[in-house]
Amino acid sequence: MLEFAEPVVKLIDELNRLPGIGRKSAQRIAFHVLRAEPAAIERLVAAIAEVREKIVLCSVCNNVTDVEPCRFCSSANRDRTTILVVEEPHNLVPFEKTREYRGLYHVLHGALSPIRGIGPDDLKVRSLLERLRSDEVKEVILATNPNTEGEATANYIGKLLRPLGVRVTRIGMGVPVGSDLDYADEVTMSKSLSNRREM
């Protein structure tokens, strides 16, 4: 016997499939949808449809975009000598928020993960190599996540790029600003020591 009407159960099931949405959150969202004004639901449905219809991957950097090439790749104000490599499109947002990085981006759309069956051919590595055929690029900054998969991906790409004569760097890692050393784990402390700099 269903706890709720079948359409509500279907909505909860679909919401539960979204990343980061557990069963309880899916249930809360479903009941929010039931209480919402029809106009609000129409806007939500229209926004989802518009994303599916208008968003594509940039042919240069693989970022999600509604213009081709994306705004980063087409901007004359970006430093074309540097490419920062990230795993997913949303990973470039923190770099843009700093207003310090002015180079280009490259989005891999994932990280190496043998457990999940993600290998080098599943990532957008080949298009990165093609971008380096130009003598314009002098440095590639690897900004994959500081976890096992991200480290493996950075090491793999680093090995591919070193013979090409381009400078390959990795973002610094360690203790976050504003945190307390008592709460840092051994890996974080190790990275902090190995990434230390002159004062």
C-alpha atoms as a PDB file:
ATOM      1  CA  MET A   1       0.000   0.000   0.000  1.00  0.00           C
ATOM      2  CA  LEU A   2       1.312   3.427  -0.989  1.00  0.00           C
ATOM      3  CA  GLU A   3       1.832   6.065   1.674  1.00  0.00           C
ATOM      4  CA  PHE A   4       0.800   8.800  -0.753  1.00  0.00           C
ATOM      5  CA  ALA A   5      -1.105   9.011  -4.025  1.00  0.00           C
ATOM      6  CA  GLU A   6       0.785   7.426  -6.920  1.00  0.00           C
ATOM      7  CA  PRO A   7       1.623  10.757  -8.692  1.00  0.00           C
ATOM      8  CA  VAL A   8       3.145  12.081  -5.451  1.00  0.00           C
ATOM      9  CA  VAL A   9       5.184   8.894  -5.018  1.00  0.00           C
ATOM     10  CA  LYS A  10       6.444   9.229  -8.617  1.00  0.00           C
ATOM     11  CA  LEU A  11       7.467  12.844  -7.992  1.00  0.00           C
ATOM     12  CA  ILE A  12       9.260  11.889  -4.763  1.00  0.00           C
ATOM     13  CA  ASP A  13      11.050   9.049  -6.577  1.00  0.00           C
ATOM     14  CA  GLU A  14      12.224  11.362  -9.371  1.00  0.00           C
ATOM     15  CA  LEU A  15      13.377  14.060  -6.949  1.00  0.00           C
ATOM     16  CA  ASN A  16      15.179  11.399  -4.910  1.00  0.00           C
ATOM     17  CA  ARG A  17      17.251  10.534  -8.006  1.00  0.00           C
ATOM     18  CA  LEU A  18      18.786  14.027  -8.010  1.00  0.00           C
ATOM     19  CA  PRO A  19      22.284  14.280  -6.501  1.00  0.00           C
ATOM     20  CA  GLY A  20      22.286  15.367  -2.878  1.00  0.00           C
ATOM     21  CA  ILE A  21      18.518  14.877  -2.468  1.00  0.00           C
ATOM     22  CA  GLY A  22      17.664  12.171   0.031  1.00  0.00           C
ATOM     23  CA  ARG A  23      14.244  10.621   0.504  1.00  0.00           C
ATOM     24  CA  LYS A  24      13.141  13.106   3.195  1.00  0.00           C
ATOM     25  CA  SER A  25      14.279  16.125   1.157  1.00  0.00           C
ATOM     26  CA  ALA A  26      12.524  14.731  -1.916  1.00  0.00           C
ATOM     27  CA  GLN A  27       9.349  14.377   0.105  1.00  0.00           C
ATOM     28  CA  ARG A  28       9.592  17.981   1.401  1.00  0.00           C
ATOM     29  CA  ILE A  29      10.174  19.317  -2.124  1.00  0.00           C
ATOM     30  CA  ALA A  30       7.259  17.270  -3.494  1.00  0.00           C
ATOM     31  CA  PHE A  31       4.881  18.709  -0.901  1.00  0.00           C
ATOM     32  CA  HIS A  32       6.241  22.196  -1.554  1.00  0.00           C
ATOM     33  CA  VAL A  33       5.383  21.665  -5.231  1.00  0.00           C
ATOM     34  CA  LEU A  34       1.858  20.564  -4.232  1.00  0.00           C
ATOM     35  CA  ARG A  35       1.341  23.760  -2.188  1.00  0.00           C
ATOM     36  CA  ALA A  36       2.952  26.145  -4.706  1.00  0.00           C
ATOM     37  CA  GLU A  37       0.974  28.487  -6.913  1.00  0.00           C
ATOM     38  CA  PRO A  38       0.389  27.112 -10.427  1.00  0.00           C
ATOM     39  CA  ALA A  39       2.389  30.027 -11.904  1.00  0.00           C
ATOM     40  CA  ALA A  40       5.426  29.085  -9.789  1.00  0.00           C
ATOM     41  CA  ILE A  41       5.267  25.481 -11.010  1.00  0.00           C
ATOM     42  CA  GLU A  42       4.931  26.659 -14.614  1.00  0.00           C
ATOM     43  CA  ARG A  43       8.057  28.818 -14.189  1.00  0.00           C
ATOM     44  CA  LEU A  44       9.958  25.855 -12.718  1.00  0.00           C
ATOM     45  CA  VAL A  45       8.912  23.547 -15.572  1.00  0.00           C
ATOM     46  CA  ALA A  46       9.758  26.259 -18.138  1.00  0.00           C
ATOM     47  CA  ALA A  47      13.198  26.837 -16.568  1.00  0.00           C
ATOM     48  CA  ILE A  48      13.992  23.103 -16.695  1.00  0.00           C
ATOM     49  CA  ALA A  49      12.816  22.902 -20.321  1.00  0.00           C
ATOM     50  CA  GLU A  50      14.853  25.977 -21.277  1.00  0.00           C
ATOM     51  CA  VAL A  51      18.026  24.498 -19.754  1.00  0.00           C
ATOM     52  CA  ARG A  52      17.500  21.276 -21.723  1.00  0.00           C
ATOM     53  CA  GLU A  53      16.830  23.190 -24.968  1.00  0.00           C
ATOM     54  CA  LYS A  54      19.402  26.004 -24.843  1.00  0.00           C
ATOM     55  CA  ILE A  55      22.400  24.817 -22.837  1.00  0.00           C
ATOM     56  CA  VAL A  56      25.228  23.129 -24.749  1.00  0.00           C
ATOM     57  CA  LEU A  57      28.878  22.362 -24.082  1.00  0.00           C
ATOM     58  CA  CYS A  58      31.371  24.936 -25.320  1.00  0.00           C
ATOM     59  CA  SER A  59      33.250  23.490 -28.277  1.00  0.00           C
ATOM     60  CA  VAL A  60      36.517  24.849 -26.854  1.00  0.00           C
ATOM     61  CA  CYS A  61      36.510  24.330 -23.064  1.00  0.00           C
ATOM     62  CA  ASN A  62      33.450  22.048 -22.477  1.00  0.00           C
ATOM     63  CA  ASN A  63      31.835  24.504 -20.059  1.00  0.00           C
ATOM     64  CA  VAL A  64      28.037  24.690 -20.095  1.00  0.00           C
ATOM     65  CA  THR A  65      26.906  27.679 -22.119  1.00  0.00           C
ATOM     66  CA  ASP A  66      24.063  29.239 -24.073  1.00  0.00           C
ATOM     67  CA  VAL A  67      26.436  30.912 -26.574  1.00  0.00           C
ATOM     68  CA  GLU A  68      29.114  29.312 -28.736  1.00  0.00           C
ATOM     69  CA  PRO A  69      31.930  29.552 -27.808  1.00  0.00           C
ATOM     70  CA  CYS A  70      31.278  30.329 -24.141  1.00  0.00           C
ATOM     71  CA  ARG A  71      31.805  33.777 -22.642  1.00  0.00           C
ATOM     72  CA  PHE A  72      35.188  32.825 -21.183  1.00  0.00           C
ATOM     73  CA  CYS A  73      36.590  31.455 -24.445  1.00  0.00           C
ATOM     74  CA  SER A  74      35.262  34.348 -26.532  1.00  0.00           C
ATOM     75  CA  SER A  75      36.399  37.116 -24.166  1.00  0.00           C
ATOM     76  CA  ALA A  76      39.287  39.228 -25.433  1.00  0.00           C
ATOM     77  CA  ASN A  77      40.130  40.107 -21.807  1.00  0.00           C
ATOM     78  CA  ARG A  78      41.123  36.573 -20.750  1.00  0.00           C
ATOM     79  CA  ASP A  79      44.776  35.516 -20.471  1.00  0.00           C
ATOM     80  CA  ARG A  80      45.159  32.922 -23.241  1.00  0.00           C
ATOM     81  CA  THR A  81      48.501  31.661 -21.925  1.00  0.00           C
ATOM     82  CA  THR A  82      46.917  29.849 -18.953  1.00  0.00           C
ATOM     83  CA  ILE A  83      44.307  27.092 -18.768  1.00  0.00           C
ATOM     84  CA  LEU A  84      42.821  25.997 -15.431  1.00  0.00           C
ATOM     85  CA  VAL A  85      41.460  22.433 -15.538  1.00  0.00           C
ATOM     86  CA  VAL A  86      38.427  21.549 -13.382  1.00  0.00           C
ATOM     87  CA  GLU A  87      36.302  18.424 -13.029  1.00  0.00           C
ATOM     88  CA  GLU A  88      32.820  19.922 -13.434  1.00  0.00           C
ATOM     89  CA  PRO A  89      31.380  23.211 -14.763  1.00  0.00           C
ATOM     90  CA  HIS A  90      30.356  24.398 -11.289  1.00  0.00           C
ATOM     91  CA  ASN A  91      33.971  24.007 -10.088  1.00  0.00           C
ATOM     92  CA  LEU A  92      35.083  27.141 -11.947  1.00  0.00           C
ATOM     93  CA  VAL A  93      32.716  29.403  -9.963  1.00  0.00           C
ATOM     94  CA  PRO A  94      34.994  29.685  -6.885  1.00  0.00           C
ATOM     95  CA  PHE A  95      37.909  30.716  -9.114  1.00  0.00           C
ATOM     96  CA  GLU A  96      35.822  33.402 -10.794  1.00  0.00           C
ATOM     97  CA  LYS A  97      34.643  34.677  -7.412  1.00  0.00           C
ATOM     98  CA  THR A  98      38.242  35.436  -6.428  1.00  0.00           C
ATOM     99  CA  ARG A  99      38.486  37.890  -9.357  1.00  0.00           C
ATOM    100  CA  GLU A 100      42.177  36.981  -9.438  1.00  0.00           C
ATOM    101  CA  TYR A 101      42.237  34.259 -12.077  1.00  0.00           C
ATOM    102  CA  ARG A 102      41.957  35.766 -15.551  1.00  0.00           C
ATOM    103  CA  GLY A 103      42.932  32.805 -17.739  1.00  0.00           C
ATOM    104  CA  LEU A 104      40.886  30.235 -19.613  1.00  0.00           C
ATOM    105  CA  TYR A 105      39.242  27.041 -18.352  1.00  0.00           C
ATOM    106  CA  HIS A 106      38.920  23.428 -19.392  1.00  0.00           C
ATOM    107  CA  VAL A 107      36.161  21.199 -17.970  1.00  0.00           C
ATOM    108  CA  LEU A 108      36.814  17.441 -17.824  1.00  0.00           C
ATOM    109  CA  HIS A 109      33.242  16.425 -16.877  1.00  0.00           C
ATOM    110  CA  GLY A 110      34.374  13.986 -14.235  1.00  0.00           C
ATOM    111  CA  ALA A 111      37.410  12.377 -12.643  1.00  0.00           C
ATOM    112  CA  LEU A 112      39.109   9.027 -13.067  1.00  0.00           C
ATOM    113  CA  SER A 113      37.308   6.399 -11.025  1.00  0.00           C
ATOM    114  CA  PRO A 114      37.915   2.724 -11.812  1.00  0.00           C
ATOM    115  CA  ILE A 115      35.311   1.764  -9.193  1.00  0.00           C
ATOM    116  CA  ARG A 116      32.627   3.697 -11.092  1.00  0.00           C
ATOM    117  CA  GLY A 117      34.006   2.642 -14.468  1.00  0.00           C
ATOM    118  CA  ILE A 118      35.279   6.107 -15.447  1.00  0.00           C
ATOM    119  CA  GLY A 119      38.498   5.925 -17.433  1.00  0.00           C
ATOM    120  CA  PRO A 120      40.555   8.451 -19.426  1.00  0.00           C
ATOM    121  CA  ASP A 121      38.364   8.070 -22.516  1.00  0.00           C
ATOM    122  CA  ASP A 122      35.314   9.151 -20.489  1.00  0.00           C
ATOM    123  CA  LEU A 123      36.871  12.530 -19.680  1.00  0.00           C
ATOM    124  CA  LYS A 124      37.440  15.527 -21.962  1.00  0.00           C
ATOM    125  CA  VAL A 125      41.221  15.062 -21.960  1.00  0.00           C
ATOM    126  CA  ARG A 126      41.724  14.709 -25.715  1.00  0.00           C
ATOM    127  CA  SER A 127      40.264  18.171 -26.363  1.00  0.00           C
ATOM    128  CA  LEU A 128      42.650  19.605 -23.741  1.00  0.00           C
ATOM    129  CA  LEU A 129      45.604  18.090 -25.601  1.00  0.00           C
ATOM    130  CA  GLU A 130      44.296  19.584 -28.855  1.00  0.00           C
ATOM    131  CA  ARG A 131      44.151  23.024 -27.252  1.00  0.00           C
ATOM    132  CA  LEU A 132      47.839  22.739 -26.345  1.00  0.00           C
ATOM    133  CA  ARG A 133      48.914  22.405 -29.977  1.00  0.00           C
ATOM    134  CA  SER A 134      48.909  26.173 -30.043  1.00  0.00           C
ATOM    135  CA  ASP A 135      52.125  27.765 -28.755  1.00  0.00           C
ATOM    136  CA  GLU A 136      49.952  30.331 -26.967  1.00  0.00           C
ATOM    137  CA  VAL A 137      49.381  28.206 -23.827  1.00  0.00           C
ATOM    138  CA  LYS A 138      52.306  28.371 -21.383  1.00  0.00           C
ATOM    139  CA  GLU A 139      50.763  26.925 -18.184  1.00  0.00           C
ATOM    140  CA  VAL A 140      48.075  24.385 -17.284  1.00  0.00           C
ATOM    141  CA  ILE A 141      46.809  24.569 -13.692  1.00  0.00           C
ATOM    142  CA  LEU A 142      45.287  21.304 -12.474  1.00  0.00           C
ATOM    143  CA  ALA A 143      42.412  22.159 -10.125  1.00  0.00           C
ATOM    144  CA  THR A 144      40.775  18.778  -9.671  1.00  0.00           C
ATOM    145  CA  ASN A 145      39.282  17.952  -6.279  1.00  0.00           C
ATOM    146  CA  PRO A 146      41.701  17.044  -3.468  1.00  0.00           C
ATOM    147  CA  ASN A 147      40.373  13.498  -3.094  1.00  0.00           C
ATOM    148  CA  THR A 148      41.614  10.133  -4.392  1.00  0.00           C
ATOM    149  CA  GLU A 149      39.875  10.469  -7.753  1.00  0.00           C
ATOM    150  CA  GLY A 150      40.933  14.088  -8.232  1.00  0.00           C
ATOM    151  CA  GLU A 151      44.542  13.323  -7.331  1.00  0.00           C
ATOM    152  CA  ALA A 152      44.619  10.363  -9.738  1.00  0.00           C
ATOM    153  CA  THR A 153      43.168  12.560 -12.480  1.00  0.00           C
ATOM    154  CA  ALA A 154      45.695  15.350 -11.832  1.00  0.00           C
ATOM    155  CA  ASN A 155      48.598  12.873 -11.863  1.00  0.00           C
ATOM    156  CA  TYR A 156      47.372  11.270 -15.095  1.00  0.00           C
ATOM    157  CA  ILE A 157      46.961  14.599 -16.888  1.00  0.00           C
ATOM    158  CA  GLY A 158      50.261  15.881 -15.510  1.00  0.00           C
ATOM    159  CA  LYS A 159      52.091  12.883 -16.980  1.00  0.00           C
ATOM    160  CA  LEU A 160      50.422  13.490 -20.351  1.00  0.00           C
ATOM    161  CA  LEU A 161      51.281  17.190 -20.426  1.00  0.00           C
ATOM    162  CA  ARG A 162      54.879  17.287 -19.170  1.00  0.00           C
ATOM    163  CA  PRO A 163      56.405  16.004 -22.445  1.00  0.00           C
ATOM    164  CA  LEU A 164      54.577  18.774 -24.346  1.00  0.00           C
ATOM    165  CA  GLY A 165      56.807  21.469 -22.838  1.00  0.00           C
ATOM    166  CA  VAL A 166      54.005  23.322 -21.085  1.00  0.00           C
ATOM    167  CA  ARG A 167      54.311  24.279 -17.407  1.00  0.00           C
ATOM    168  CA  VAL A 168      52.016  22.030 -15.326  1.00  0.00           C
ATOM    169  CA  THR A 169      51.026  23.191 -11.833  1.00  0.00           C
ATOM    170  CA  ARG A 170      48.597  21.953  -9.183  1.00  0.00           C
ATOM    171  CA  ILE A 171      46.475  24.183  -6.968  1.00  0.00           C
ATOM    172  CA  GLY A 172      47.740  24.499  -3.403  1.00  0.00           C
ATOM    173  CA  MET A 173      46.008  22.473  -0.719  1.00  0.00           C
ATOM    174  CA  GLY A 174      46.051  22.421   3.025  1.00  0.00           C
ATOM    175  CA  VAL A 175      44.397  24.003   6.042  1.00  0.00           C
ATOM    176  CA  PRO A 176      41.483  26.258   5.026  1.00  0.00           C
ATOM    177  CA  VAL A 177      41.557  29.907   6.051  1.00  0.00           C
ATOM    178  CA  GLY A 178      39.515  30.477   9.202  1.00  0.00           C
ATOM    179  CA  SER A 179      39.707  26.895  10.399  1.00  0.00           C
ATOM    180  CA  ASP A 180      41.200  25.448  13.560  1.00  0.00           C
ATOM    181  CA  LEU A 181      44.244  23.141  13.406  1.00  0.00           C
ATOM    182  CA  ASP A 182      42.617  20.857  15.996  1.00  0.00           C
ATOM    183  CA  TYR A 183      40.062  19.792  13.369  1.00  0.00           C
ATOM    184  CA  ALA A 184      42.453  19.165  10.467  1.00  0.00           C
ATOM    185  CA  ASP A 185      43.081  15.524   9.556  1.00  0.00           C
ATOM    186  CA  GLU A 186      46.476  13.970   8.792  1.00  0.00           C
ATOM    187  CA  VAL A 187      46.136  14.277   4.998  1.00  0.00           C
ATOM    188  CA  THR A 188      45.230  17.966   5.230  1.00  0.00           C
ATOM    189  CA  MET A 189      48.170  18.633   7.555  1.00  0.00           C
ATOM    190  CA  SER A 190      50.520  16.718   5.267  1.00  0.00           C
ATOM    191  CA  LYS A 191      49.356  18.773   2.257  1.00  0.00           C
ATOM    192  CA  SER A 192      49.736  21.958   4.295  1.00  0.00           C
ATOM    193  CA  LEU A 193      53.349  21.129   5.084  1.00  0.00           C
ATOM    194  CA  SER A 194      54.253  20.104   1.548  1.00  0.00           C
ATOM    195  CA  ASN A 195      52.583  23.230   0.075  1.00  0.00           C
ATOM    196  CA  ARG A 196      54.155  25.719   2.466  1.00  0.00           C
ATOM    197  CA  ARG A 197      55.661  28.941   1.059  1.00  0.00           C
ATOM    198  CA  GLU A 198      58.127  31.639   2.025  1.00  0.00           C
ATOM    199  CA  MET A 199      56.875  34.486   4.224  1.00  0.00           C
END
